[in-house]
Amino acid sequence: MMKKIAAVAALLTISAAAFAQQSVSFVEPADGATVTSPVKVKFAVTGMEVKPAGDMTANTGHHHLLINAAPVKAGEVVPADEHHIHFGKGQTETEVKLAPGTYVLSMQFANGLHQSYGPGMSKDIKITVK
């Protein structure tokens, strides 16, 4: 019995460590940057693989760019509108036309059905478009 408990504990430790290494980040622009439009945006993901929408393979998903929008809770579908841009073909970069002003850009990683992985797979930056 103790061997089974130790094996389960080891598996949970490995799974927790793997999950802790999953993250998203902006390669470009940097947080606090002043940029011009169109704004070049590059995404990165660690610990998961980018796959197109519809692919429900474990530990995969695709990026969504939220512009001045609240994060999407885990399990909820990311809306598709002018504040929620989907990259369902597996794209990892884009150019976005933005009027001059201050913006919060949020990257939200979601599964093949556009269901958010939640705050652990989301990243916010602030930029100023001149």
Protein backbone atom coordinates (compact mmCIF):
# COMPACT_ATOMS: atom_id res chain seq x y z
CA MET A 1 0.00 0.00 0.00
CA MET A 2 2.81 2.41 0.87
CA LYS A 3 4.41 1.80 -2.55
CA LYS A 4 1.13 2.76 -4.27
CA ILE A 5 0.83 5.92 -2.19
CA ALA A 6 4.44 6.85 -2.97
CA ALA A 7 3.87 6.20 -6.68
CA VAL A 8 0.74 8.37 -6.73
CA ALA A 9 2.54 11.13 -4.79
CA ALA A 10 5.43 11.04 -7.27
CA LEU A 11 3.03 11.23 -10.21
CA LEU A 12 1.19 14.18 -8.67
CA THR A 13 4.50 15.95 -8.04
CA ILE A 14 5.56 15.45 -11.67
CA SER A 15 2.14 16.60 -12.94
CA ALA A 16 2.17 19.69 -10.70
CA ALA A 17 5.71 20.55 -11.85
CA ALA A 18 4.73 20.17 -15.51
CA PHE A 19 1.65 22.36 -15.02
CA ALA A 20 3.70 25.00 -13.19
CA GLN A 21 5.96 25.25 -16.24
CA GLN A 22 3.08 26.07 -18.56
CA SER A 23 2.89 29.75 -19.40
CA VAL A 24 2.33 32.29 -22.13
CA SER A 25 4.24 35.47 -22.85
CA PHE A 26 4.49 38.33 -25.28
CA VAL A 27 7.69 38.25 -27.32
CA GLU A 28 6.72 41.62 -28.76
CA PRO A 29 5.79 44.34 -27.81
CA ALA A 30 7.33 44.74 -24.37
CA ASP A 31 5.21 45.71 -21.40
CA GLY A 32 5.11 49.51 -21.17
CA ALA A 33 6.27 50.02 -24.78
CA THR A 34 5.30 52.99 -26.90
CA VAL A 35 4.56 51.77 -30.41
CA THR A 36 3.08 52.85 -33.72
CA SER A 37 0.16 51.30 -35.57
CA PRO A 38 -0.05 48.70 -36.93
CA VAL A 39 1.27 47.06 -33.77
CA LYS A 40 3.32 43.92 -34.32
CA VAL A 41 2.39 41.30 -31.73
CA LYS A 42 4.27 38.02 -31.20
CA PHE A 43 3.11 35.29 -28.81
CA ALA A 44 5.01 32.50 -27.05
CA VAL A 45 3.86 29.49 -25.05
CA THR A 46 5.87 27.21 -22.78
CA GLY A 47 4.87 23.71 -21.73
CA MET A 48 2.12 23.34 -24.31
CA GLU A 49 1.99 23.09 -28.08
CA VAL A 50 0.21 25.41 -30.51
CA LYS A 51 -2.39 23.56 -32.60
CA PRO A 52 -5.24 24.84 -34.78
CA ALA A 53 -8.79 25.24 -33.47
CA GLY A 54 -10.64 21.95 -33.44
CA ASP A 55 -7.59 19.93 -32.34
CA MET A 56 -8.31 18.63 -28.84
CA THR A 57 -4.98 16.89 -28.24
CA ALA A 58 -3.94 17.14 -24.58
CA ASN A 59 -1.62 20.04 -23.69
CA THR A 60 -2.37 21.95 -26.89
CA GLY A 61 -4.29 25.05 -27.86
CA HIS A 62 -4.08 28.35 -29.68
CA HIS A 63 -3.70 32.03 -28.88
CA HIS A 64 -6.33 34.75 -28.48
CA LEU A 65 -5.55 38.44 -28.22
CA LEU A 66 -7.82 40.46 -25.95
CA ILE A 67 -7.76 44.24 -26.38
CA ASN A 68 -8.95 46.18 -23.33
CA ALA A 69 -11.05 43.16 -22.30
CA ALA A 70 -11.35 41.23 -19.04
CA PRO A 71 -9.64 37.81 -18.87
CA VAL A 72 -11.76 34.80 -19.72
CA LYS A 73 -12.35 32.34 -16.87
CA ALA A 74 -11.09 28.77 -17.17
CA GLY A 75 -13.47 26.61 -19.18
CA GLU A 76 -15.39 29.53 -20.69
CA VAL A 77 -15.36 30.07 -24.46
CA VAL A 78 -13.39 33.10 -25.63
CA PRO A 79 -15.82 35.42 -27.45
CA ALA A 80 -15.17 36.44 -31.05
CA ASP A 81 -15.52 40.20 -31.48
CA GLU A 82 -13.43 43.35 -31.95
CA HIS A 83 -11.98 42.91 -28.42
CA HIS A 84 -11.24 39.16 -28.72
CA ILE A 85 -9.17 38.15 -31.73
CA HIS A 86 -8.81 34.43 -32.43
CA PHE A 87 -5.74 32.78 -33.94
CA GLY A 88 -7.39 29.45 -34.68
CA LYS A 89 -5.01 28.53 -37.48
CA GLY A 90 -2.20 28.32 -34.94
CA GLN A 91 -0.67 31.71 -35.71
CA THR A 92 1.93 33.04 -33.29
CA GLU A 93 2.15 36.62 -34.55
CA THR A 94 0.03 39.34 -36.11
CA GLU A 95 -0.25 43.05 -36.78
CA VAL A 96 -3.13 44.96 -35.20
CA LYS A 97 -4.31 48.41 -36.24
CA LEU A 98 -4.95 50.51 -33.14
CA ALA A 99 -5.81 54.20 -32.80
CA PRO A 100 -3.51 56.35 -30.66
CA GLY A 101 -4.06 55.71 -26.97
CA THR A 102 -3.27 53.43 -24.06
CA TYR A 103 -4.20 49.75 -24.23
CA VAL A 104 -4.10 46.60 -22.15
CA LEU A 105 -3.31 43.63 -24.38
CA SER A 106 -4.07 40.21 -22.92
CA MET A 107 -2.96 36.96 -24.41
CA GLN A 108 -5.33 34.10 -23.59
CA PHE A 109 -4.43 30.51 -24.47
CA ALA A 110 -7.37 28.19 -25.04
CA ASN A 111 -8.05 24.64 -26.20
CA GLY A 112 -9.30 23.54 -29.61
CA LEU A 113 -12.87 24.52 -28.70
CA HIS A 114 -11.76 28.05 -27.70
CA GLN A 115 -12.28 27.21 -24.00
CA SER A 116 -9.91 29.30 -21.91
CA TYR A 117 -7.21 27.62 -19.83
CA GLY A 118 -7.75 30.46 -17.34
CA PRO A 119 -5.47 32.97 -15.65
CA GLY A 120 -2.48 30.60 -15.53
CA MET A 121 -2.35 30.69 -19.32
CA SER A 122 -2.98 34.41 -19.72
CA LYS A 123 -0.62 37.39 -19.78
CA ASP A 124 -1.34 41.14 -19.74
CA ILE A 125 0.81 44.00 -20.95
CA LYS A 126 0.17 47.74 -21.24
CA ILE A 127 1.19 49.67 -24.35
CA THR A 128 0.81 53.17 -25.68
CA VAL A 129 0.11 53.71 -29.37
CA LYS A 130 1.30 57.12 -30.58
